[in-house]
C-alpha atoms as a PDB file:
ATOM      1  CA  UNK A   1    -158.499 -81.134-228.396  1.00  0.00           C
ATOM      2  CA  UNK A   2    -156.839 -82.929-225.523  1.00  0.00           C
ATOM      3  CA  UNK A   3    -153.219 -81.939-224.987  1.00  0.00           C
ATOM      4  CA  UNK A   4    -150.773 -84.816-225.409  1.00  0.00           C
ATOM      5  CA  UNK A   5    -149.249 -85.962-222.158  1.00  0.00           C
ATOM      6  CA  UNK A   6    -145.556 -85.331-221.691  1.00  0.00           C
ATOM      7  CA  UNK A   7    -143.618 -88.643-221.611  1.00  0.00           C
ATOM      8  CA  UNK A   8    -142.708 -89.655-218.083  1.00  0.00           C
ATOM      9  CA  UNK A   9    -139.054 -89.619-217.074  1.00  0.00           C
ATOM     10  CA  UNK A  10    -137.603 -92.984-216.128  1.00  0.00           C
ATOM     11  CA  UNK A  11    -134.558 -93.260-213.896  1.00  0.00           C
ATOM     12  CA  UNK A  12    -132.946 -96.019-211.889  1.00  0.00           C
ATOM     13  CA  UNK A  13    -129.860 -97.887-210.722  1.00  0.00           C
ATOM     14  CA  UNK A  14    -128.714-101.015-212.573  1.00  0.00           C
ATOM     15  CA  UNK A  15    -126.039-103.244-211.042  1.00  0.00           C
ATOM     16  CA  UNK A  16    -123.976-105.365-213.442  1.00  0.00           C
ATOM     17  CA  UNK A  17    -122.875-108.521-211.625  1.00  0.00           C
ATOM     18  CA  UNK A  18    -121.214-111.810-212.490  1.00  0.00           C
ATOM     19  CA  UNK A  19    -118.105-113.904-212.101  1.00  0.00           C
ATOM     20  CA  UNK A  20    -114.645-112.493-212.928  1.00  0.00           C
ATOM     21  CA  UNK A  21    -114.098-112.111-216.686  1.00  0.00           C
ATOM     22  CA  UNK A  22    -117.793-112.391-217.537  1.00  0.00           C
ATOM     23  CA  UNK A  23    -117.500-109.144-219.516  1.00  0.00           C
ATOM     24  CA  UNK A  24    -119.140-106.651-217.127  1.00  0.00           C
ATOM     25  CA  UNK A  25    -116.741-103.763-217.751  1.00  0.00           C
ATOM     26  CA  UNK A  26    -116.810-104.316-221.517  1.00  0.00           C
ATOM     27  CA  UNK A  27    -120.605-104.143-221.426  1.00  0.00           C
ATOM     28  CA  UNK A  28    -120.612-100.925-219.393  1.00  0.00           C
ATOM     29  CA  UNK A  29    -118.236 -99.273-221.854  1.00  0.00           C
ATOM     30  CA  UNK A  30    -120.422-100.324-224.789  1.00  0.00           C
ATOM     31  CA  UNK A  31    -123.610 -99.072-223.130  1.00  0.00           C
ATOM     32  CA  UNK A  32    -122.030 -95.700-222.407  1.00  0.00           C
ATOM     33  CA  UNK A  33    -120.125 -95.550-225.719  1.00  0.00           C
ATOM     34  CA  UNK A  34    -117.155 -94.450-223.635  1.00  0.00           C
ATOM     35  CA  UNK A  35    -114.292 -96.311-221.972  1.00  0.00           C
ATOM     36  CA  UNK A  36    -115.032 -95.720-218.296  1.00  0.00           C
ATOM     37  CA  UNK A  37    -114.096 -99.107-216.813  1.00  0.00           C
ATOM     38  CA  UNK A  38    -110.659-100.612-217.365  1.00  0.00           C
ATOM     39  CA  UNK A  39    -110.629-103.913-219.245  1.00  0.00           C
ATOM     40  CA  UNK A  40    -108.021-106.681-219.422  1.00  0.00           C
ATOM     41  CA  UNK A  41    -108.021-110.395-220.188  1.00  0.00           C
ATOM     42  CA  UNK A  42    -107.083-111.165-216.576  1.00  0.00           C
ATOM     43  CA  UNK A  43    -109.855-111.916-214.035  1.00  0.00           C
ATOM     44  CA  UNK A  44    -110.613-109.641-211.073  1.00  0.00           C
ATOM     45  CA  UNK A  45    -109.439-106.474-212.824  1.00  0.00           C
ATOM     46  CA  UNK A  46    -112.320-104.431-211.340  1.00  0.00           C
ATOM     47  CA  UNK A  47    -111.957-103.874-207.591  1.00  0.00           C
ATOM     48  CA  UNK A  48    -114.206-100.909-206.884  1.00  0.00           C
ATOM     49  CA  UNK A  49    -117.738-100.045-207.891  1.00  0.00           C
ATOM     50  CA  UNK A  50    -117.619 -98.021-211.135  1.00  0.00           C
ATOM     51  CA  UNK A  51    -120.607 -95.717-211.622  1.00  0.00           C
ATOM     52  CA  UNK A  52    -121.493 -94.749-215.189  1.00  0.00           C
ATOM     53  CA  UNK A  53    -124.543 -92.731-216.231  1.00  0.00           C
ATOM     54  CA  UNK A  54    -126.461 -93.026-219.495  1.00  0.00           C
ATOM     55  CA  UNK A  55    -128.540 -89.949-220.302  1.00  0.00           C
ATOM     56  CA  UNK A  56    -131.134 -89.814-223.062  1.00  0.00           C
ATOM     57  CA  UNK A  57    -134.400 -87.951-223.512  1.00  0.00           C
ATOM     58  CA  UNK A  58    -136.594 -88.810-220.499  1.00  0.00           C
ATOM     59  CA  UNK A  59    -134.150 -91.579-219.535  1.00  0.00           C
ATOM     60  CA  UNK A  60    -131.334 -91.830-217.010  1.00  0.00           C
ATOM     61  CA  UNK A  61    -129.744 -95.204-216.236  1.00  0.00           C
ATOM     62  CA  UNK A  62    -127.122 -95.277-213.498  1.00  0.00           C
ATOM     63  CA  UNK A  63    -124.981 -98.367-214.085  1.00  0.00           C
ATOM     64  CA  UNK A  64    -122.863 -99.911-211.340  1.00  0.00           C
ATOM     65  CA  UNK A  65    -119.996-102.068-212.611  1.00  0.00           C
ATOM     66  CA  UNK A  66    -118.956-104.372-209.757  1.00  0.00           C
ATOM     67  CA  UNK A  67    -116.037-106.639-208.808  1.00  0.00           C
ATOM     68  CA  UNK A  68    -116.367-110.214-210.071  1.00  0.00           C
ATOM     69  CA  UNK A  69    -118.186-112.471-207.616  1.00  0.00           C
ATOM     70  CA  UNK A  70    -115.876-114.953-205.882  1.00  0.00           C
ATOM     71  CA  UNK A  71    -115.489-116.775-202.584  1.00  0.00           C
ATOM     72  CA  UNK A  72    -112.991-114.459-200.833  1.00  0.00           C
ATOM     73  CA  UNK A  73    -109.687-115.732-199.453  1.00  0.00           C
ATOM     74  CA  UNK A  74    -108.217-112.564-197.902  1.00  0.00           C
ATOM     75  CA  UNK A  75    -109.233-109.092-196.681  1.00  0.00           C
ATOM     76  CA  UNK A  76    -109.093-107.291-200.044  1.00  0.00           C
ATOM     77  CA  UNK A  77    -111.350-109.869-201.690  1.00  0.00           C
ATOM     78  CA  UNK A  78    -113.759-109.720-198.734  1.00  0.00           C
ATOM     79  CA  UNK A  79    -113.932-105.936-199.152  1.00  0.00           C
ATOM     80  CA  UNK A  80    -114.544-106.336-202.895  1.00  0.00           C
ATOM     81  CA  UNK A  81    -117.476-108.682-202.239  1.00  0.00           C
ATOM     82  CA  UNK A  82    -118.985-106.174-199.807  1.00  0.00           C
ATOM     83  CA  UNK A  83    -118.730-103.510-202.521  1.00  0.00           C
ATOM     84  CA  UNK A  84    -120.542-105.822-204.959  1.00  0.00           C
ATOM     85  CA  UNK A  85    -123.226-106.676-202.380  1.00  0.00           C
ATOM     86  CA  UNK A  86    -123.873-102.996-201.623  1.00  0.00           C
ATOM     87  CA  UNK A  87    -124.411-102.352-205.337  1.00  0.00           C
ATOM     88  CA  UNK A  88    -126.841-105.274-205.534  1.00  0.00           C
ATOM     89  CA  UNK A  89    -128.829-104.150-202.496  1.00  0.00           C
ATOM     90  CA  UNK A  90    -129.175-100.528-203.675  1.00  0.00           C
ATOM     91  CA  UNK A  91    -130.184-101.226-207.287  1.00  0.00           C
ATOM     92  CA  UNK A  92    -133.542-101.217-209.049  1.00  0.00           C
ATOM     93  CA  UNK A  93    -132.572-103.815-211.654  1.00  0.00           C
ATOM     94  CA  UNK A  94    -129.897-106.508-211.839  1.00  0.00           C
ATOM     95  CA  UNK A  95    -127.988-107.356-215.010  1.00  0.00           C
ATOM     96  CA  UNK A  96    -126.494-110.781-214.357  1.00  0.00           C
ATOM     97  CA  UNK A  97    -123.735-111.795-216.776  1.00  0.00           C
ATOM     98  CA  UNK A  98    -122.534-115.279-217.605  1.00  0.00           C
ATOM     99  CA  UNK A  99    -119.592-116.259-219.773  1.00  0.00           C
ATOM    100  CA  UNK A 100    -121.178-119.020-221.877  1.00  0.00           C
ATOM    101  CA  UNK A 101    -117.779-120.615-222.447  1.00  0.00           C
ATOM    102  CA  UNK A 102    -117.541-121.327-218.685  1.00  0.00           C
ATOM    103  CA  UNK A 103    -119.740-124.016-217.142  1.00  0.00           C
ATOM    104  CA  UNK A 104    -118.544-122.817-213.723  1.00  0.00           C
ATOM    105  CA  UNK A 105    -120.203-119.428-214.334  1.00  0.00           C
ATOM    106  CA  UNK A 106    -123.637-121.005-214.818  1.00  0.00           C
ATOM    107  CA  UNK A 107    -123.345-123.202-211.730  1.00  0.00           C
ATOM    108  CA  UNK A 108    -122.128-120.279-209.606  1.00  0.00           C
ATOM    109  CA  UNK A 109    -124.974-117.973-210.639  1.00  0.00           C
ATOM    110  CA  UNK A 110    -127.651-120.608-210.079  1.00  0.00           C
ATOM    111  CA  UNK A 111    -126.282-121.373-206.642  1.00  0.00           C
ATOM    112  CA  UNK A 112    -126.114-117.650-205.842  1.00  0.00           C
ATOM    113  CA  UNK A 113    -129.782-116.996-206.636  1.00  0.00           C
ATOM    114  CA  UNK A 114    -131.009-120.193-205.042  1.00  0.00           C
ATOM    115  CA  UNK A 115    -129.199-119.382-201.791  1.00  0.00           C
ATOM    116  CA  UNK A 116    -127.612-115.991-200.925  1.00  0.00           C
ATOM    117  CA  UNK A 117    -129.861-113.894-203.189  1.00  0.00           C
ATOM    118  CA  UNK A 118    -132.940-116.114-203.052  1.00  0.00           C
ATOM    119  CA  UNK A 119    -135.182-113.441-201.509  1.00  0.00           C
ATOM    120  CA  UNK A 120    -133.948-110.507-203.587  1.00  0.00           C
ATOM    121  CA  UNK A 121    -137.122-108.984-204.997  1.00  0.00           C
ATOM    122  CA  UNK A 122    -136.160-106.879-207.993  1.00  0.00           C
ATOM    123  CA  UNK A 123    -136.160-107.479-211.760  1.00  0.00           C
ATOM    124  CA  UNK A 124    -133.252-109.602-212.957  1.00  0.00           C
ATOM    125  CA  UNK A 125    -132.078-109.870-216.558  1.00  0.00           C
ATOM    126  CA  UNK A 126    -129.654-112.651-217.493  1.00  0.00           C
ATOM    127  CA  UNK A 127    -127.081-111.887-220.163  1.00  0.00           C
ATOM    128  CA  UNK A 128    -125.422-114.849-221.847  1.00  0.00           C
ATOM    129  CA  UNK A 129    -122.175-113.240-222.966  1.00  0.00           C
ATOM    130  CA  UNK A 130    -119.548-114.322-225.501  1.00  0.00           C
ATOM    131  CA  UNK A 131    -122.106-116.151-227.672  1.00  0.00           C
ATOM    132  CA  UNK A 132    -119.832-115.555-230.652  1.00  0.00           C
ATOM    133  CA  UNK A 133    -117.447-118.137-229.165  1.00  0.00           C
ATOM    134  CA  UNK A 134    -119.847-121.127-228.999  1.00  0.00           C
ATOM    135  CA  UNK A 135    -122.120-122.936-231.494  1.00  0.00           C
ATOM    136  CA  UNK A 136    -125.774-121.783-231.351  1.00  0.00           C
ATOM    137  CA  UNK A 137    -126.987-125.275-230.495  1.00  0.00           C
ATOM    138  CA  UNK A 138    -124.907-125.115-227.315  1.00  0.00           C
ATOM    139  CA  UNK A 139    -126.902-122.108-226.100  1.00  0.00           C
ATOM    140  CA  UNK A 140    -130.348-123.729-226.177  1.00  0.00           C
ATOM    141  CA  UNK A 141    -129.821-126.116-223.217  1.00  0.00           C
ATOM    142  CA  UNK A 142    -128.390-123.197-221.210  1.00  0.00           C
ATOM    143  CA  UNK A 143    -131.382-120.981-221.986  1.00  0.00           C
ATOM    144  CA  UNK A 144    -133.786-123.802-221.078  1.00  0.00           C
ATOM    145  CA  UNK A 145    -131.897-124.439-217.847  1.00  0.00           C
ATOM    146  CA  UNK A 146    -132.304-120.832-216.680  1.00  0.00           C
ATOM    147  CA  UNK A 147    -135.887-120.510-217.909  1.00  0.00           C
ATOM    148  CA  UNK A 148    -136.769-123.564-215.833  1.00  0.00           C
ATOM    149  CA  UNK A 149    -135.735-121.975-212.525  1.00  0.00           C
ATOM    150  CA  UNK A 150    -137.924-118.910-213.136  1.00  0.00           C
ATOM    151  CA  UNK A 151    -135.469-116.383-211.680  1.00  0.00           C
ATOM    152  CA  UNK A 152    -134.971-114.031-214.623  1.00  0.00           C
ATOM    153  CA  UNK A 153    -137.405-111.648-216.301  1.00  0.00           C
ATOM    154  CA  UNK A 154    -135.472-111.891-219.576  1.00  0.00           C
ATOM    155  CA  UNK A 155    -132.615-114.023-220.929  1.00  0.00           C
ATOM    156  CA  UNK A 156    -130.602-112.253-223.646  1.00  0.00           C
ATOM    157  CA  UNK A 157    -127.681-113.724-225.646  1.00  0.00           C
ATOM    158  CA  UNK A 158    -125.044-111.044-226.324  1.00  0.00           C
ATOM    159  CA  UNK A 159    -121.458-110.440-227.331  1.00  0.00           C
ATOM    160  CA  UNK A 160    -120.403-107.387-225.337  1.00  0.00           C
ATOM    161  CA  UNK A 161    -117.037-107.237-227.103  1.00  0.00           C
ATOM    162  CA  UNK A 162    -118.693-107.090-230.534  1.00  0.00           C
ATOM    163  CA  UNK A 163    -121.540-104.839-229.328  1.00  0.00           C
ATOM    164  CA  UNK A 164    -123.989-107.531-230.441  1.00  0.00           C
ATOM    165  CA  UNK A 165    -127.284-107.560-228.532  1.00  0.00           C
ATOM    166  CA  UNK A 166    -126.374-104.528-226.408  1.00  0.00           C
ATOM    167  CA  UNK A 167    -129.222-102.453-227.920  1.00  0.00           C
ATOM    168  CA  UNK A 168    -131.671-105.197-226.883  1.00  0.00           C
ATOM    169  CA  UNK A 169    -130.320-105.029-223.333  1.00  0.00           C
ATOM    170  CA  UNK A 170    -130.792-101.263-223.307  1.00  0.00           C
ATOM    171  CA  UNK A 171    -134.378-101.514-224.599  1.00  0.00           C
ATOM    172  CA  UNK A 172    -135.304-104.088-221.962  1.00  0.00           C
ATOM    173  CA  UNK A 173    -133.854-101.902-219.216  1.00  0.00           C
ATOM    174  CA  UNK A 174    -135.777 -98.831-220.376  1.00  0.00           C
ATOM    175  CA  UNK A 175    -139.038-100.821-220.425  1.00  0.00           C
ATOM    176  CA  UNK A 176    -138.749-101.705-216.717  1.00  0.00           C
ATOM    177  CA  UNK A 177    -136.979 -98.654-215.290  1.00  0.00           C
ATOM    178  CA  UNK A 178    -138.902 -96.981-212.438  1.00  0.00           C
ATOM    179  CA  UNK A 179    -140.697 -93.727-213.238  1.00  0.00           C
ATOM    180  CA  UNK A 180    -138.955 -90.828-211.507  1.00  0.00           C
ATOM    181  CA  UNK A 181    -136.856 -87.713-211.946  1.00  0.00           C
ATOM    182  CA  UNK A 182    -133.140 -87.809-212.788  1.00  0.00           C
ATOM    183  CA  UNK A 183    -130.741 -88.189-209.876  1.00  0.00           C
ATOM    184  CA  UNK A 184    -127.891 -86.471-211.761  1.00  0.00           C
ATOM    185  CA  UNK A 185    -127.631 -83.548-214.204  1.00  0.00           C
ATOM    186  CA  UNK A 186    -128.046 -84.602-217.843  1.00  0.00           C
ATOM    187  CA  UNK A 187    -124.383 -83.940-218.730  1.00  0.00           C
ATOM    188  CA  UNK A 188    -123.001 -86.161-215.942  1.00  0.00           C
ATOM    189  CA  UNK A 189    -121.124 -89.336-216.945  1.00  0.00           C
ATOM    190  CA  UNK A 190    -119.955 -90.421-213.479  1.00  0.00           C
ATOM    191  CA  UNK A 191    -119.783 -89.177-209.901  1.00  0.00           C
ATOM    192  CA  UNK A 192    -116.256 -90.428-209.299  1.00  0.00           C
ATOM    193  CA  UNK A 193    -113.371 -87.921-209.440  1.00  0.00           C
ATOM    194  CA  UNK A 194    -110.858 -87.754-212.285  1.00  0.00           C
ATOM    195  CA  UNK A 195    -108.001 -88.959-210.113  1.00  0.00           C
ATOM    196  CA  UNK A 196    -109.869 -92.209-209.402  1.00  0.00           C
ATOM    197  CA  UNK A 197    -109.932 -93.002-213.114  1.00  0.00           C
ATOM    198  CA  UNK A 198    -106.294 -91.966-213.485  1.00  0.00           C
ATOM    199  CA  UNK A 199    -105.343 -94.570-210.867  1.00  0.00           C
ATOM    200  CA  UNK A 200    -107.492 -97.136-212.691  1.00  0.00           C
ATOM    201  CA  UNK A 201    -105.731 -96.456-215.992  1.00  0.00           C
ATOM    202  CA  UNK A 202    -102.345 -97.051-214.358  1.00  0.00           C
ATOM    203  CA  UNK A 203    -103.641-100.282-212.798  1.00  0.00           C
ATOM    204  CA  UNK A 204    -104.888-101.414-216.196  1.00  0.00           C
ATOM    205  CA  UNK A 205    -101.387-101.085-217.684  1.00  0.00           C
ATOM    206  CA  UNK A 206     -99.937-103.145-214.833  1.00  0.00           C
ATOM    207  CA  UNK A 207    -102.502-105.875-215.543  1.00  0.00           C
ATOM    208  CA  UNK A 208    -101.646-105.757-219.230  1.00  0.00           C
ATOM    209  CA  UNK A 209     -97.849-105.785-218.991  1.00  0.00           C
ATOM    210  CA  UNK A 210     -97.084-108.045-216.005  1.00  0.00           C
ATOM    211  CA  UNK A 211     -97.872-111.678-215.290  1.00  0.00           C
ATOM    212  CA  UNK A 212     -98.319-113.980-212.330  1.00  0.00           C
ATOM    213  CA  UNK A 213     -98.990-112.291-208.993  1.00  0.00           C
ATOM    214  CA  UNK A 214     -97.729-108.792-209.816  1.00  0.00           C
ATOM    215  CA  UNK A 215    -101.063-107.229-210.968  1.00  0.00           C
ATOM    216  CA  UNK A 216    -102.951-108.692-207.998  1.00  0.00           C
ATOM    217  CA  UNK A 217    -100.331-107.530-205.500  1.00  0.00           C
ATOM    218  CA  UNK A 218    -100.401-103.907-206.644  1.00  0.00           C
ATOM    219  CA  UNK A 219    -102.577-100.869-206.193  1.00  0.00           C
ATOM    220  CA  UNK A 220    -102.192 -97.224-207.171  1.00  0.00           C
ATOM    221  CA  UNK A 221    -102.381 -94.125-204.992  1.00  0.00           C
ATOM    222  CA  UNK A 222    -102.567 -90.662-206.563  1.00  0.00           C
ATOM    223  CA  UNK A 223    -100.308 -88.566-204.341  1.00  0.00           C
ATOM    224  CA  UNK A 224    -100.564 -85.308-206.297  1.00  0.00           C
ATOM    225  CA  UNK A 225    -102.998 -84.127-208.969  1.00  0.00           C
ATOM    226  CA  UNK A 226    -102.535 -80.559-210.172  1.00  0.00           C
ATOM    227  CA  UNK A 227    -103.862 -78.544-213.071  1.00  0.00           C
ATOM    228  CA  UNK A 228    -101.428 -75.851-214.233  1.00  0.00           C
ATOM    229  CA  UNK A 229    -102.552 -73.021-216.511  1.00  0.00           C
ATOM    230  CA  UNK A 230     -99.252 -72.328-218.243  1.00  0.00           C
ATOM    231  CA  UNK A 231     -97.906 -75.884-218.520  1.00  0.00           C
ATOM    232  CA  UNK A 232     -98.924 -79.553-218.489  1.00  0.00           C
ATOM    233  CA  UNK A 233    -100.943 -80.879-215.571  1.00  0.00           C
ATOM    234  CA  UNK A 234     -98.871 -82.749-212.972  1.00  0.00           C
ATOM    235  CA  UNK A 235     -99.722 -86.190-211.589  1.00  0.00           C
ATOM    236  CA  UNK A 236     -97.608 -88.085-209.095  1.00  0.00           C
ATOM    237  CA  UNK A 237     -98.695 -91.648-208.403  1.00  0.00           C
ATOM    238  CA  UNK A 238     -97.366 -94.394-206.155  1.00  0.00           C
ATOM    239  CA  UNK A 239     -97.702 -98.032-207.115  1.00  0.00           C
ATOM    240  CA  UNK A 240     -97.776-100.137-203.971  1.00  0.00           C
ATOM    241  CA  UNK A 241     -96.584-103.737-203.867  1.00  0.00           C
ATOM    242  CA  UNK A 242     -96.364-106.360-201.126  1.00  0.00           C
ATOM    243  CA  UNK A 243     -92.692-107.376-201.371  1.00  0.00           C
ATOM    244  CA  UNK A 244     -89.335-105.944-202.371  1.00  0.00           C
ATOM    245  CA  UNK A 245     -88.949-108.639-205.046  1.00  0.00           C
ATOM    246  CA  UNK A 246     -92.158-107.388-206.693  1.00  0.00           C
ATOM    247  CA  UNK A 247     -90.813-103.849-206.672  1.00  0.00           C
ATOM    248  CA  UNK A 248     -87.707-105.008-208.556  1.00  0.00           C
ATOM    249  CA  UNK A 249     -89.846-106.751-211.205  1.00  0.00           C
ATOM    250  CA  UNK A 250     -92.206-103.802-211.546  1.00  0.00           C
ATOM    251  CA  UNK A 251     -89.351-101.352-212.136  1.00  0.00           C
ATOM    252  CA  UNK A 252     -87.438-103.685-214.452  1.00  0.00           C
ATOM    253  CA  UNK A 253     -83.873-103.463-215.718  1.00  0.00           C
ATOM    254  CA  UNK A 254     -82.721 -99.840-215.832  1.00  0.00           C
ATOM    255  CA  UNK A 255     -86.289 -98.806-215.029  1.00  0.00           C
ATOM    256  CA  UNK A 256     -87.488 -99.779-218.521  1.00  0.00           C
ATOM    257  CA  UNK A 257     -90.584-101.727-217.402  1.00  0.00           C
ATOM    258  CA  UNK A 258     -91.877 -98.900-215.207  1.00  0.00           C
ATOM    259  CA  UNK A 259     -91.099 -96.388-217.943  1.00  0.00           C
ATOM    260  CA  UNK A 260     -93.315 -98.341-220.339  1.00  0.00           C
ATOM    261  CA  UNK A 261     -96.187 -98.331-217.822  1.00  0.00           C
ATOM    262  CA  UNK A 262     -95.745 -94.590-217.385  1.00  0.00           C
ATOM    263  CA  UNK A 263     -95.668 -93.799-221.102  1.00  0.00           C
ATOM    264  CA  UNK A 264     -98.703 -95.936-221.978  1.00  0.00           C
ATOM    265  CA  UNK A 265    -100.641 -94.704-218.942  1.00  0.00           C
ATOM    266  CA  UNK A 266     -99.922 -91.075-219.773  1.00  0.00           C
ATOM    267  CA  UNK A 267    -101.306 -91.466-223.309  1.00  0.00           C
ATOM    268  CA  UNK A 268    -104.585 -92.911-222.030  1.00  0.00           C
ATOM    269  CA  UNK A 269    -104.805 -90.390-219.185  1.00  0.00           C
ATOM    270  CA  UNK A 270    -104.433 -87.534-221.681  1.00  0.00           C
ATOM    271  CA  UNK A 271    -107.190 -89.032-223.840  1.00  0.00           C
ATOM    272  CA  UNK A 272    -109.433 -89.449-220.809  1.00  0.00           C
ATOM    273  CA  UNK A 273    -108.812 -85.957-219.401  1.00  0.00           C
ATOM    274  CA  UNK A 274    -108.567 -84.330-222.840  1.00  0.00           C
ATOM    275  CA  UNK A 275    -105.475 -82.383-221.783  1.00  0.00           C
ATOM    276  CA  UNK A 276    -101.702 -82.854-221.584  1.00  0.00           C
ATOM    277  CA  UNK A 277    -100.150 -84.129-218.344  1.00  0.00           C
ATOM    278  CA  UNK A 278     -96.781 -84.978-216.858  1.00  0.00           C
ATOM    279  CA  UNK A 279     -96.958 -88.336-215.051  1.00  0.00           C
ATOM    280  CA  UNK A 280     -94.457 -89.308-212.361  1.00  0.00           C
ATOM    281  CA  UNK A 281     -94.512 -92.895-211.031  1.00  0.00           C
ATOM    282  CA  UNK A 282     -92.976 -94.300-207.861  1.00  0.00           C
ATOM    283  CA  UNK A 283     -93.043 -97.815-206.426  1.00  0.00           C
ATOM    284  CA  UNK A 284     -93.497 -98.403-202.681  1.00  0.00           C
ATOM    285  CA  UNK A 285     -93.543-101.585-200.598  1.00  0.00           C
ATOM    286  CA  UNK A 286     -96.368-102.129-198.099  1.00  0.00           C
ATOM    287  CA  UNK A 287     -95.934-105.639-196.712  1.00  0.00           C
ATOM    288  CA  UNK A 288     -99.032-107.844-197.215  1.00  0.00           C
ATOM    289  CA  UNK A 289    -101.235-104.785-197.808  1.00  0.00           C
ATOM    290  CA  UNK A 290    -104.071-106.922-199.213  1.00  0.00           C
ATOM    291  CA  UNK A 291    -104.538-108.494-195.770  1.00  0.00           C
ATOM    292  CA  UNK A 292    -104.204-105.252-193.801  1.00  0.00           C
ATOM    293  CA  UNK A 293    -107.537-103.567-192.982  1.00  0.00           C
ATOM    294  CA  UNK A 294    -105.858-100.268-192.099  1.00  0.00           C
ATOM    295  CA  UNK A 295    -104.215-100.021-195.526  1.00  0.00           C
ATOM    296  CA  UNK A 296    -107.422-101.163-197.244  1.00  0.00           C
ATOM    297  CA  UNK A 297    -109.350 -98.426-195.446  1.00  0.00           C
ATOM    298  CA  UNK A 298    -106.819 -95.811-196.572  1.00  0.00           C
ATOM    299  CA  UNK A 299    -107.198 -97.105-200.155  1.00  0.00           C
ATOM    300  CA  UNK A 300    -110.976 -96.694-199.976  1.00  0.00           C
ATOM    301  CA  UNK A 301    -111.983-100.363-199.896  1.00  0.00           C
ATOM    302  CA  UNK A 302    -113.430-100.219-196.389  1.00  0.00           C
END
């Protein structure tokens, strides 16, 4: 009797791309069943490439959550677009997300693949996200429009927030993943260090609790990150802003606003790290840091 062949391992990189607020980070978190990427209602929350790894029997999918695609206006945004482009160029499959409530998203993606990414030869799957927010009859012309251009291997309506259609996305990815051995050990969720995600959690709270330009003018540097055997871990972080007036707003009257950021961040950091920590926050001014390549390099954008 012929011995049954062992199933082949499939492994590959999948970049998740799209306009700001298309739902890329929400999708990644649903696929991993773990909150790895920060999520807020404000656009351009994601600035760096977030790597998340799904491990199943004979399957490893390395997802790359990327900054929302825009036409950059200053150095930070230019750096963010380079990060997104690097993810695109090094992937095996592209998941392209569109917010179906935004006509601008559809036009932008079509223009992108008919011009800048015209010659990109790898499988592309189009995800029509937020379908729970529009009537079904509104989706049909959109699906026909994208079918007509012949760019995408599959077009899948989903609601990432409601986890609707995410299993279909996963199945389609597995069907076209390259055959090959795992790149990472089976128990690996990400390659990025804990302190990177700690800084992201703090940034998320700033996006949630402040309006106008404050979230976009800030970044977070982890100055100290210590594990202590006999007491809570210690984390000291600096929030950088571009102007003194922003520092005043960020701190708030009697320091109450910054205290709120610290308390809410600490709770999420403890959940993420699965251990108790003491979090100390400071605010520093770095004039026009978003336009300064030296500062951007020190922050890891360049």
